[in-house]
Amino acid sequence: MYGQHHPLAQRTGPTKIAWGLSLPQILTLLAGGCLSYRLSQIVPALPFKNIVFAHLHHLIPLGLAALFIFARHGRTGLNFAVYLYYMTAYRLRRKTFVWRR
């Protein structure tokens, strides 16, 4: 009503822990780094003389983890991991069909 003050709740975002990253971002990058390390133990290096190009394919899991964290969906503005979660939840939701004559 008029004259009553209703302050809006302050929206809190994810807390930045280190290097401007939140805890889920750090954990995702650590998981990507661990997968990259495991991949480097299984898959041999490519036959290039340059060590960077020989081991470049071992960084694919880390790159995908970084893509899911930092890339944003164009229309929604959500990061890619959250967008994929919401899209999957939308596709797998319980559907109710109403038939009408």
PDB file of N, CA and C in Angstrom:
ATOM      1  N   MET A   1       0.823  -1.180   0.000  1.00  0.00           N
ATOM      2  CA  MET A   1       0.000   0.000   0.000  1.00  0.00           C
ATOM      3  C   MET A   1       0.873   1.251   0.000  1.00  0.00           C
ATOM      4  N   TYR A   2       0.177   2.364  -0.168  1.00  0.00           N
ATOM      5  CA  TYR A   2       0.883   3.639  -0.226  1.00  0.00           C
ATOM      6  C   TYR A   2       1.462   3.982   1.146  1.00  0.00           C
ATOM      7  N   GLY A   3       2.694   4.395   1.173  1.00  0.00           N
ATOM      8  CA  GLY A   3       3.332   4.802   2.401  1.00  0.00           C
ATOM      9  C   GLY A   3       4.099   3.685   3.088  1.00  0.00           C
ATOM     10  N   GLN A   4       3.929   2.446   2.623  1.00  0.00           N
ATOM     11  CA  GLN A   4       4.685   1.345   3.218  1.00  0.00           C
ATOM     12  C   GLN A   4       5.909   1.069   2.363  1.00  0.00           C
ATOM     13  N   HIS A   5       7.002   0.870   3.035  1.00  0.00           N
ATOM     14  CA  HIS A   5       8.263   0.657   2.330  1.00  0.00           C
ATOM     15  C   HIS A   5       8.568  -0.833   2.282  1.00  0.00           C
ATOM     16  N   HIS A   6       8.696  -1.381   1.077  1.00  0.00           N
ATOM     17  CA  HIS A   6       9.033  -2.782   0.887  1.00  0.00           C
ATOM     18  C   HIS A   6      10.344  -2.863   0.108  1.00  0.00           C
ATOM     19  N   PRO A   7      11.446  -2.951   0.818  1.00  0.00           N
ATOM     20  CA  PRO A   7      12.725  -3.016   0.095  1.00  0.00           C
ATOM     21  C   PRO A   7      12.863  -4.351  -0.635  1.00  0.00           C
ATOM     22  N   LEU A   8      13.435  -4.273  -1.811  1.00  0.00           N
ATOM     23  CA  LEU A   8      13.682  -5.479  -2.582  1.00  0.00           C
ATOM     24  C   LEU A   8      14.850  -6.251  -1.974  1.00  0.00           C
ATOM     25  N   ALA A   9      14.767  -7.540  -2.026  1.00  0.00           N
ATOM     26  CA  ALA A   9      15.860  -8.371  -1.525  1.00  0.00           C
ATOM     27  C   ALA A   9      17.074  -8.204  -2.428  1.00  0.00           C
ATOM     28  N   GLN A  10      18.216  -8.148  -1.810  1.00  0.00           N
ATOM     29  CA  GLN A  10      19.438  -7.992  -2.586  1.00  0.00           C
ATOM     30  C   GLN A  10      19.752  -9.307  -3.288  1.00  0.00           C
ATOM     31  N   ARG A  11      19.982  -9.233  -4.581  1.00  0.00           N
ATOM     32  CA  ARG A  11      20.327 -10.424  -5.351  1.00  0.00           C
ATOM     33  C   ARG A  11      21.812 -10.705  -5.175  1.00  0.00           C
ATOM     34  N   THR A  12      22.101 -11.886  -4.699  1.00  0.00           N
ATOM     35  CA  THR A  12      23.498 -12.252  -4.519  1.00  0.00           C
ATOM     36  C   THR A  12      23.929 -13.139  -5.669  1.00  0.00           C
ATOM     37  N   GLY A  13      25.097 -12.908  -6.152  1.00  0.00           N
ATOM     38  CA  GLY A  13      25.656 -13.707  -7.226  1.00  0.00           C
ATOM     39  C   GLY A  13      26.629 -14.721  -6.656  1.00  0.00           C
ATOM     40  N   PRO A  14      27.239 -15.498  -7.527  1.00  0.00           N
ATOM     41  CA  PRO A  14      28.223 -16.460  -7.033  1.00  0.00           C
ATOM     42  C   PRO A  14      29.437 -15.747  -6.448  1.00  0.00           C
ATOM     43  N   THR A  15      29.942 -16.250  -5.347  1.00  0.00           N
ATOM     44  CA  THR A  15      31.089 -15.632  -4.689  1.00  0.00           C
ATOM     45  C   THR A  15      32.362 -15.992  -5.435  1.00  0.00           C
ATOM     46  N   LYS A  16      33.164 -15.001  -5.645  1.00  0.00           N
ATOM     47  CA  LYS A  16      34.445 -15.229  -6.333  1.00  0.00           C
ATOM     48  C   LYS A  16      35.464 -15.705  -5.310  1.00  0.00           C
ATOM     49  N   ILE A  17      36.123 -16.823  -5.605  1.00  0.00           N
ATOM     50  CA  ILE A  17      37.059 -17.410  -4.655  1.00  0.00           C
ATOM     51  C   ILE A  17      38.499 -17.046  -5.018  1.00  0.00           C
ATOM     52  N   ALA A  18      38.926 -17.411  -6.217  1.00  0.00           N
ATOM     53  CA  ALA A  18      40.302 -17.146  -6.625  1.00  0.00           C
ATOM     54  C   ALA A  18      40.313 -16.796  -8.103  1.00  0.00           C
ATOM     55  N   TRP A  19      41.150 -15.842  -8.462  1.00  0.00           N
ATOM     56  CA  TRP A  19      41.325 -15.387  -9.848  1.00  0.00           C
ATOM     57  C   TRP A  19      40.006 -14.957 -10.486  1.00  0.00           C
ATOM     58  N   GLY A  20      39.074 -14.480  -9.697  1.00  0.00           N
ATOM     59  CA  GLY A  20      37.787 -14.034 -10.223  1.00  0.00           C
ATOM     60  C   GLY A  20      36.870 -15.170 -10.636  1.00  0.00           C
ATOM     61  N   LEU A  21      37.095 -16.382 -10.130  1.00  0.00           N
ATOM     62  CA  LEU A  21      36.276 -17.537 -10.482  1.00  0.00           C
ATOM     63  C   LEU A  21      35.497 -18.008  -9.262  1.00  0.00           C
ATOM     64  N   SER A  22      34.307 -18.529  -9.505  1.00  0.00           N
ATOM     65  CA  SER A  22      33.505 -19.078  -8.422  1.00  0.00           C
ATOM     66  C   SER A  22      33.874 -20.546  -8.201  1.00  0.00           C
ATOM     67  N   LEU A  23      33.326 -21.141  -7.144  1.00  0.00           N
ATOM     68  CA  LEU A  23      33.647 -22.527  -6.822  1.00  0.00           C
ATOM     69  C   LEU A  23      33.225 -23.506  -7.921  1.00  0.00           C
ATOM     70  N   PRO A  24      32.002 -23.395  -8.500  1.00  0.00           N
ATOM     71  CA  PRO A  24      31.674 -24.329  -9.593  1.00  0.00           C
ATOM     72  C   PRO A  24      32.583 -24.173 -10.807  1.00  0.00           C
ATOM     73  N   GLN A  25      33.017 -22.961 -11.098  1.00  0.00           N
ATOM     74  CA  GLN A  25      33.925 -22.760 -12.225  1.00  0.00           C
ATOM     75  C   GLN A  25      35.286 -23.396 -11.958  1.00  0.00           C
ATOM     76  N   ILE A  26      35.794 -23.245 -10.736  1.00  0.00           N
ATOM     77  CA  ILE A  26      37.080 -23.842 -10.386  1.00  0.00           C
ATOM     78  C   ILE A  26      36.985 -25.364 -10.440  1.00  0.00           C
ATOM     79  N   LEU A  27      35.891 -25.922  -9.914  1.00  0.00           N
ATOM     80  CA  LEU A  27      35.728 -27.377  -9.926  1.00  0.00           C
ATOM     81  C   LEU A  27      35.605 -27.918 -11.347  1.00  0.00           C
ATOM     82  N   THR A  28      34.919 -27.186 -12.222  1.00  0.00           N
ATOM     83  CA  THR A  28      34.786 -27.621 -13.605  1.00  0.00           C
ATOM     84  C   THR A  28      36.132 -27.576 -14.326  1.00  0.00           C
ATOM     85  N   LEU A  29      36.903 -26.532 -14.083  1.00  0.00           N
ATOM     86  CA  LEU A  29      38.232 -26.455 -14.698  1.00  0.00           C
ATOM     87  C   LEU A  29      39.159 -27.540 -14.152  1.00  0.00           C
ATOM     88  N   LEU A  30      39.050 -27.853 -12.866  1.00  0.00           N
ATOM     89  CA  LEU A  30      39.858 -28.930 -12.305  1.00  0.00           C
ATOM     90  C   LEU A  30      39.462 -30.281 -12.899  1.00  0.00           C
ATOM     91  N   ALA A  31      38.157 -30.504 -13.093  1.00  0.00           N
ATOM     92  CA  ALA A  31      37.703 -31.755 -13.720  1.00  0.00           C
ATOM     93  C   ALA A  31      38.202 -31.837 -15.161  1.00  0.00           C
ATOM     94  N   GLY A  32      38.145 -30.731 -15.907  1.00  0.00           N
ATOM     95  CA  GLY A  32      38.662 -30.713 -17.273  1.00  0.00           C
ATOM     96  C   GLY A  32      40.162 -30.951 -17.317  1.00  0.00           C
ATOM     97  N   GLY A  33      40.897 -30.385 -16.360  1.00  0.00           N
ATOM     98  CA  GLY A  33      42.334 -30.613 -16.287  1.00  0.00           C
ATOM     99  C   GLY A  33      42.671 -32.058 -15.942  1.00  0.00           C
ATOM    100  N   CYS A  34      41.879 -32.652 -15.042  1.00  0.00           N
ATOM    101  CA  CYS A  34      42.087 -34.055 -14.681  1.00  0.00           C
ATOM    102  C   CYS A  34      41.810 -34.972 -15.883  1.00  0.00           C
ATOM    103  N   LEU A  35      40.736 -34.675 -16.616  1.00  0.00           N
ATOM    104  CA  LEU A  35      40.442 -35.470 -17.814  1.00  0.00           C
ATOM    105  C   LEU A  35      41.519 -35.299 -18.883  1.00  0.00           C
ATOM    106  N   SER A  36      42.051 -34.099 -19.008  1.00  0.00           N
ATOM    107  CA  SER A  36      43.135 -33.869 -19.969  1.00  0.00           C
ATOM    108  C   SER A  36      44.376 -34.659 -19.578  1.00  0.00           C
ATOM    109  N   TYR A  37      44.664 -34.704 -18.282  1.00  0.00           N
ATOM    110  CA  TYR A  37      45.818 -35.470 -17.818  1.00  0.00           C
ATOM    111  C   TYR A  37      45.634 -36.960 -18.079  1.00  0.00           C
ATOM    112  N   ARG A  38      44.437 -37.471 -17.804  1.00  0.00           N
ATOM    113  CA  ARG A  38      44.163 -38.888 -18.057  1.00  0.00           C
ATOM    114  C   ARG A  38      44.237 -39.203 -19.553  1.00  0.00           C
ATOM    115  N   LEU A  39      43.753 -38.286 -20.381  1.00  0.00           N
ATOM    116  CA  LEU A  39      43.830 -38.475 -21.827  1.00  0.00           C
ATOM    117  C   LEU A  39      45.279 -38.504 -22.299  1.00  0.00           C
ATOM    118  N   SER A  40      46.117 -37.682 -21.703  1.00  0.00           N
ATOM    119  CA  SER A  40      47.524 -37.668 -22.109  1.00  0.00           C
ATOM    120  C   SER A  40      48.242 -38.952 -21.712  1.00  0.00           C
ATOM    121  N   GLN A  41      47.746 -39.645 -20.690  1.00  0.00           N
ATOM    122  CA  GLN A  41      48.348 -40.918 -20.311  1.00  0.00           C
ATOM    123  C   GLN A  41      47.928 -42.052 -21.254  1.00  0.00           C
ATOM    124  N   ILE A  42      46.746 -41.940 -21.842  1.00  0.00           N
ATOM    125  CA  ILE A  42      46.219 -43.015 -22.678  1.00  0.00           C
ATOM    126  C   ILE A  42      46.589 -42.822 -24.149  1.00  0.00           C
ATOM    127  N   VAL A  43      46.356 -41.619 -24.666  1.00  0.00           N
ATOM    128  CA  VAL A  43      46.553 -41.344 -26.093  1.00  0.00           C
ATOM    129  C   VAL A  43      47.976 -40.842 -26.319  1.00  0.00           C
ATOM    130  N   PRO A  44      48.705 -41.414 -27.254  1.00  0.00           N
ATOM    131  CA  PRO A  44      50.082 -40.947 -27.492  1.00  0.00           C
ATOM    132  C   PRO A  44      50.107 -39.597 -28.201  1.00  0.00           C
ATOM    133  N   ALA A  45      51.262 -38.995 -28.200  1.00  0.00           N
ATOM    134  CA  ALA A  45      51.444 -37.701 -28.867  1.00  0.00           C
ATOM    135  C   ALA A  45      51.385 -37.879 -30.382  1.00  0.00           C
ATOM    136  N   LEU A  46      51.021 -36.817 -31.056  1.00  0.00           N
ATOM    137  CA  LEU A  46      50.980 -36.824 -32.516  1.00  0.00           C
ATOM    138  C   LEU A  46      52.407 -36.732 -33.067  1.00  0.00           C
ATOM    139  N   PRO A  47      52.644 -37.221 -34.266  1.00  0.00           N
ATOM    140  CA  PRO A  47      54.025 -37.237 -34.805  1.00  0.00           C
ATOM    141  C   PRO A  47      54.469 -35.891 -35.380  1.00  0.00           C
ATOM    142  N   PHE A  48      54.584 -34.889 -34.527  1.00  0.00           N
ATOM    143  CA  PHE A  48      55.110 -33.580 -34.921  1.00  0.00           C
ATOM    144  C   PHE A  48      56.390 -33.328 -34.141  1.00  0.00           C
ATOM    145  N   LYS A  49      57.283 -32.554 -34.721  1.00  0.00           N
ATOM    146  CA  LYS A  49      58.520 -32.226 -34.015  1.00  0.00           C
ATOM    147  C   LYS A  49      58.298 -31.147 -32.960  1.00  0.00           C
ATOM    148  N   ASN A  50      57.317 -30.305 -33.178  1.00  0.00           N
ATOM    149  CA  ASN A  50      57.002 -29.256 -32.210  1.00  0.00           C
ATOM    150  C   ASN A  50      56.182 -29.878 -31.075  1.00  0.00           C
ATOM    151  N   ILE A  51      56.631 -29.679 -29.849  1.00  0.00           N
ATOM    152  CA  ILE A  51      55.974 -30.313 -28.696  1.00  0.00           C
ATOM    153  C   ILE A  51      54.577 -29.744 -28.448  1.00  0.00           C
ATOM    154  N   VAL A  52      54.354 -28.487 -28.813  1.00  0.00           N
ATOM    155  CA  VAL A  52      53.027 -27.873 -28.618  1.00  0.00           C
ATOM    156  C   VAL A  52      52.006 -28.524 -29.542  1.00  0.00           C
ATOM    157  N   PHE A  53      52.349 -28.678 -30.803  1.00  0.00           N
ATOM    158  CA  PHE A  53      51.426 -29.292 -31.753  1.00  0.00           C
ATOM    159  C   PHE A  53      51.271 -30.791 -31.515  1.00  0.00           C
ATOM    160  N   ALA A  54      52.297 -31.430 -30.974  1.00  0.00           N
ATOM    161  CA  ALA A  54      52.237 -32.863 -30.722  1.00  0.00           C
ATOM    162  C   ALA A  54      51.259 -33.203 -29.607  1.00  0.00           C
ATOM    163  N   HIS A  55      51.102 -32.305 -28.630  1.00  0.00           N
ATOM    164  CA  HIS A  55      50.242 -32.577 -27.479  1.00  0.00           C
ATOM    165  C   HIS A  55      48.997 -31.681 -27.432  1.00  0.00           C
ATOM    166  N   LEU A  56      48.689 -31.021 -28.505  1.00  0.00           N
ATOM    167  CA  LEU A  56      47.555 -30.096 -28.521  1.00  0.00           C
ATOM    168  C   LEU A  56      46.224 -30.812 -28.340  1.00  0.00           C
ATOM    169  N   HIS A  57      46.080 -32.022 -28.847  1.00  0.00           N
ATOM    170  CA  HIS A  57      44.815 -32.747 -28.737  1.00  0.00           C
ATOM    171  C   HIS A  57      44.537 -33.208 -27.303  1.00  0.00           C
ATOM    172  N   HIS A  58      45.529 -33.179 -26.435  1.00  0.00           N
ATOM    173  CA  HIS A  58      45.301 -33.554 -25.041  1.00  0.00           C
ATOM    174  C   HIS A  58      44.542 -32.468 -24.272  1.00  0.00           C
ATOM    175  N   LEU A  59      44.470 -31.280 -24.806  1.00  0.00           N
ATOM    176  CA  LEU A  59      43.785 -30.176 -24.126  1.00  0.00           C
ATOM    177  C   LEU A  59      42.311 -30.050 -24.502  1.00  0.00           C
ATOM    178  N   ILE A  60      41.798 -30.988 -25.280  1.00  0.00           N
ATOM    179  CA  ILE A  60      40.395 -30.913 -25.707  1.00  0.00           C
ATOM    180  C   ILE A  60      39.422 -30.948 -24.520  1.00  0.00           C
ATOM    181  N   PRO A  61      39.557 -31.841 -23.528  1.00  0.00           N
ATOM    182  CA  PRO A  61      38.613 -31.810 -22.393  1.00  0.00           C
ATOM    183  C   PRO A  61      38.672 -30.510 -21.593  1.00  0.00           C
ATOM    184  N   LEU A  62      39.871 -29.955 -21.424  1.00  0.00           N
ATOM    185  CA  LEU A  62      39.996 -28.686 -20.713  1.00  0.00           C
ATOM    186  C   LEU A  62      39.346 -27.557 -21.501  1.00  0.00           C
ATOM    187  N   GLY A  63      39.495 -27.577 -22.813  1.00  0.00           N
ATOM    188  CA  GLY A  63      38.848 -26.568 -23.659  1.00  0.00           C
ATOM    189  C   GLY A  63      37.330 -26.665 -23.620  1.00  0.00           C
ATOM    190  N   LEU A  64      36.795 -27.895 -23.621  1.00  0.00           N
ATOM    191  CA  LEU A  64      35.341 -28.065 -23.524  1.00  0.00           C
ATOM    192  C   LEU A  64      34.815 -27.597 -22.170  1.00  0.00           C
ATOM    193  N   ALA A  65      35.571 -27.862 -21.102  1.00  0.00           N
ATOM    194  CA  ALA A  65      35.167 -27.385 -19.775  1.00  0.00           C
ATOM    195  C   ALA A  65      35.154 -25.862 -19.732  1.00  0.00           C
ATOM    196  N   ALA A  66      36.166 -25.243 -20.306  1.00  0.00           N
ATOM    197  CA  ALA A  66      36.211 -23.781 -20.353  1.00  0.00           C
ATOM    198  C   ALA A  66      35.090 -23.217 -21.220  1.00  0.00           C
ATOM    199  N   LEU A  67      34.747 -23.926 -22.298  1.00  0.00           N
ATOM    200  CA  LEU A  67      33.639 -23.490 -23.151  1.00  0.00           C
ATOM    201  C   LEU A  67      32.325 -23.504 -22.376  1.00  0.00           C
ATOM    202  N   PHE A  68      32.079 -24.573 -21.611  1.00  0.00           N
ATOM    203  CA  PHE A  68      30.848 -24.655 -20.845  1.00  0.00           C
ATOM    204  C   PHE A  68      30.777 -23.594 -19.754  1.00  0.00           C
ATOM    205  N   ILE A  69      31.915 -23.189 -19.231  1.00  0.00           N
ATOM    206  CA  ILE A  69      31.912 -22.192 -18.155  1.00  0.00           C
ATOM    207  C   ILE A  69      31.762 -20.775 -18.697  1.00  0.00           C
ATOM    208  N   PHE A  70      32.557 -20.418 -19.684  1.00  0.00           N
ATOM    209  CA  PHE A  70      32.679 -19.015 -20.067  1.00  0.00           C
ATOM    210  C   PHE A  70      31.836 -18.605 -21.278  1.00  0.00           C
ATOM    211  N   ALA A  71      31.429 -19.542 -22.129  1.00  0.00           N
ATOM    212  CA  ALA A  71      30.637 -19.174 -23.302  1.00  0.00           C
ATOM    213  C   ALA A  71      29.214 -18.843 -22.885  1.00  0.00           C
ATOM    214  N   ARG A  72      28.599 -17.914 -23.567  1.00  0.00           N
ATOM    215  CA  ARG A  72      27.233 -17.494 -23.264  1.00  0.00           C
ATOM    216  C   ARG A  72      26.343 -17.759 -24.470  1.00  0.00           C
ATOM    217  N   HIS A  73      25.098 -18.131 -24.179  1.00  0.00           N
ATOM    218  CA  HIS A  73      24.120 -18.322 -25.239  1.00  0.00           C
ATOM    219  C   HIS A  73      23.658 -16.946 -25.688  1.00  0.00           C
ATOM    220  N   GLY A  74      23.556 -16.754 -26.978  1.00  0.00           N
ATOM    221  CA  GLY A  74      23.300 -15.427 -27.523  1.00  0.00           C
ATOM    222  C   GLY A  74      21.967 -14.823 -27.134  1.00  0.00           C
ATOM    223  N   ARG A  75      20.884 -15.582 -27.239  1.00  0.00           N
ATOM    224  CA  ARG A  75      19.561 -15.010 -27.001  1.00  0.00           C
ATOM    225  C   ARG A  75      19.206 -14.898 -25.524  1.00  0.00           C
ATOM    226  N   THR A  76      19.675 -15.822 -24.706  1.00  0.00           N
ATOM    227  CA  THR A  76      19.282 -15.821 -23.303  1.00  0.00           C
ATOM    228  C   THR A  76      20.292 -15.148 -22.390  1.00  0.00           C
ATOM    229  N   GLY A  77      21.560 -15.140 -22.757  1.00  0.00           N
ATOM    230  CA  GLY A  77      22.585 -14.550 -21.913  1.00  0.00           C
ATOM    231  C   GLY A  77      23.064 -15.490 -20.814  1.00  0.00           C
ATOM    232  N   LEU A  78      22.531 -16.714 -20.768  1.00  0.00           N
ATOM    233  CA  LEU A  78      22.982 -17.695 -19.784  1.00  0.00           C
ATOM    234  C   LEU A  78      24.285 -18.319 -20.253  1.00  0.00           C
ATOM    235  N   ASN A  79      25.101 -18.773 -19.284  1.00  0.00           N
ATOM    236  CA  ASN A  79      26.280 -19.488 -19.753  1.00  0.00           C
ATOM    237  C   ASN A  79      25.835 -20.830 -20.316  1.00  0.00           C
ATOM    238  N   PHE A  80      26.694 -21.446 -21.095  1.00  0.00           N
ATOM    239  CA  PHE A  80      26.298 -22.589 -21.909  1.00  0.00           C
ATOM    240  C   PHE A  80      25.881 -23.788 -21.076  1.00  0.00           C
ATOM    241  N   ALA A  81      26.543 -24.024 -19.941  1.00  0.00           N
ATOM    242  CA  ALA A  81      26.202 -25.169 -19.095  1.00  0.00           C
ATOM    243  C   ALA A  81      24.802 -25.017 -18.502  1.00  0.00           C
ATOM    244  N   VAL A  82      24.462 -23.828 -18.030  1.00  0.00           N
ATOM    245  CA  VAL A  82      23.132 -23.581 -17.465  1.00  0.00           C
ATOM    246  C   VAL A  82      22.075 -23.682 -18.556  1.00  0.00           C
ATOM    247  N   TYR A  83      22.379 -23.158 -19.745  1.00  0.00           N
ATOM    248  CA  TYR A  83      21.440 -23.247 -20.855  1.00  0.00           C
ATOM    249  C   TYR A  83      21.166 -24.694 -21.237  1.00  0.00           C
ATOM    250  N   LEU A  84      22.209 -25.530 -21.308  1.00  0.00           N
ATOM    251  CA  LEU A  84      22.016 -26.948 -21.634  1.00  0.00           C
ATOM    252  C   LEU A  84      21.221 -27.665 -20.547  1.00  0.00           C
ATOM    253  N   TYR A  85      21.426 -27.285 -19.281  1.00  0.00           N
ATOM    254  CA  TYR A  85      20.658 -27.882 -18.187  1.00  0.00           C
ATOM    255  C   TYR A  85      19.176 -27.546 -18.320  1.00  0.00           C
ATOM    256  N   TYR A  86      18.861 -26.275 -18.556  1.00  0.00           N
ATOM    257  CA  TYR A  86      17.463 -25.868 -18.688  1.00  0.00           C
ATOM    258  C   TYR A  86      16.818 -26.472 -19.937  1.00  0.00           C
ATOM    259  N   MET A  87      17.562 -26.556 -21.032  1.00  0.00           N
ATOM    260  CA  MET A  87      17.023 -27.139 -22.245  1.00  0.00           C
ATOM    261  C   MET A  87      16.730 -28.630 -22.050  1.00  0.00           C
ATOM    262  N   THR A  88      17.618 -29.336 -21.363  1.00  0.00           N
ATOM    263  CA  THR A  88      17.398 -30.758 -21.087  1.00  0.00           C
ATOM    264  C   THR A  88      16.206 -30.953 -20.162  1.00  0.00           C
ATOM    265  N   ALA A  89      16.095 -30.120 -19.135  1.00  0.00           N
ATOM    266  CA  ALA A  89      14.960 -30.224 -18.218  1.00  0.00           C
ATOM    267  C   ALA A  89      13.651 -29.929 -18.947  1.00  0.00           C
ATOM    268  N   TYR A  90      13.686 -28.996 -19.886  1.00  0.00           N
ATOM    269  CA  TYR A  90      12.491 -28.675 -20.664  1.00  0.00           C
ATOM    270  C   TYR A  90      12.098 -29.837 -21.569  1.00  0.00           C
ATOM    271  N   ARG A  91      13.079 -30.458 -22.208  1.00  0.00           N
ATOM    272  CA  ARG A  91      12.782 -31.569 -23.119  1.00  0.00           C
ATOM    273  C   ARG A  91      12.305 -32.814 -22.386  1.00  0.00           C
ATOM    274  N   LEU A  92      12.815 -33.041 -21.176  1.00  0.00           N
ATOM    275  CA  LEU A  92      12.479 -34.252 -20.432  1.00  0.00           C
ATOM    276  C   LEU A  92      11.318 -34.057 -19.450  1.00  0.00           C
ATOM    277  N   ARG A  93      10.662 -32.901 -19.484  1.00  0.00           N
ATOM    278  CA  ARG A  93       9.574 -32.643 -18.540  1.00  0.00           C
ATOM    279  C   ARG A  93       8.387 -33.568 -18.821  1.00  0.00           C
ATOM    280  N   ARG A  94       7.537 -33.699 -17.854  1.00  0.00           N
ATOM    281  CA  ARG A  94       6.345 -34.510 -18.015  1.00  0.00           C
ATOM    282  C   ARG A  94       5.352 -33.749 -18.887  1.00  0.00           C
ATOM    283  N   LYS A  95       4.885 -34.384 -19.926  1.00  0.00           N
ATOM    284  CA  LYS A  95       4.004 -33.718 -20.875  1.00  0.00           C
ATOM    285  C   LYS A  95       2.572 -34.194 -20.665  1.00  0.00           C
ATOM    286  N   THR A  96       1.650 -33.263 -20.727  1.00  0.00           N
ATOM    287  CA  THR A  96       0.234 -33.580 -20.611  1.00  0.00           C
ATOM    288  C   THR A  96      -0.433 -33.207 -21.927  1.00  0.00           C
ATOM    289  N   PHE A  97      -1.057 -34.183 -22.551  1.00  0.00           N
ATOM    290  CA  PHE A  97      -1.727 -33.952 -23.819  1.00  0.00           C
ATOM    291  C   PHE A  97      -3.231 -33.865 -23.584  1.00  0.00           C
ATOM    292  N   VAL A  98      -3.845 -32.833 -24.090  1.00  0.00           N
ATOM    293  CA  VAL A  98      -5.278 -32.642 -23.959  1.00  0.00           C
ATOM    294  C   VAL A  98      -5.878 -32.812 -25.358  1.00  0.00           C
ATOM    295  N   TRP A  99      -6.729 -33.822 -25.492  1.00  0.00           N
ATOM    296  CA  TRP A  99      -7.349 -34.086 -26.776  1.00  0.00           C
ATOM    297  C   TRP A  99      -8.730 -33.461 -26.794  1.00  0.00           C
ATOM    298  N   ARG A 100      -9.018 -32.813 -27.881  1.00  0.00           N
ATOM    299  CA  ARG A 100     -10.270 -32.090 -27.994  1.00  0.00           C
ATOM    300  C   ARG A 100     -10.893 -32.381 -29.340  1.00  0.00           C
ATOM    301  N   ARG A 101     -12.209 -32.549 -29.374  1.00  0.00           N
ATOM    302  CA  ARG A 101     -12.902 -32.749 -30.636  1.00  0.00           C
ATOM    303  C   ARG A 101     -13.470 -31.465 -31.153  1.00  0.00           C
TER     304      ARG A 101
END
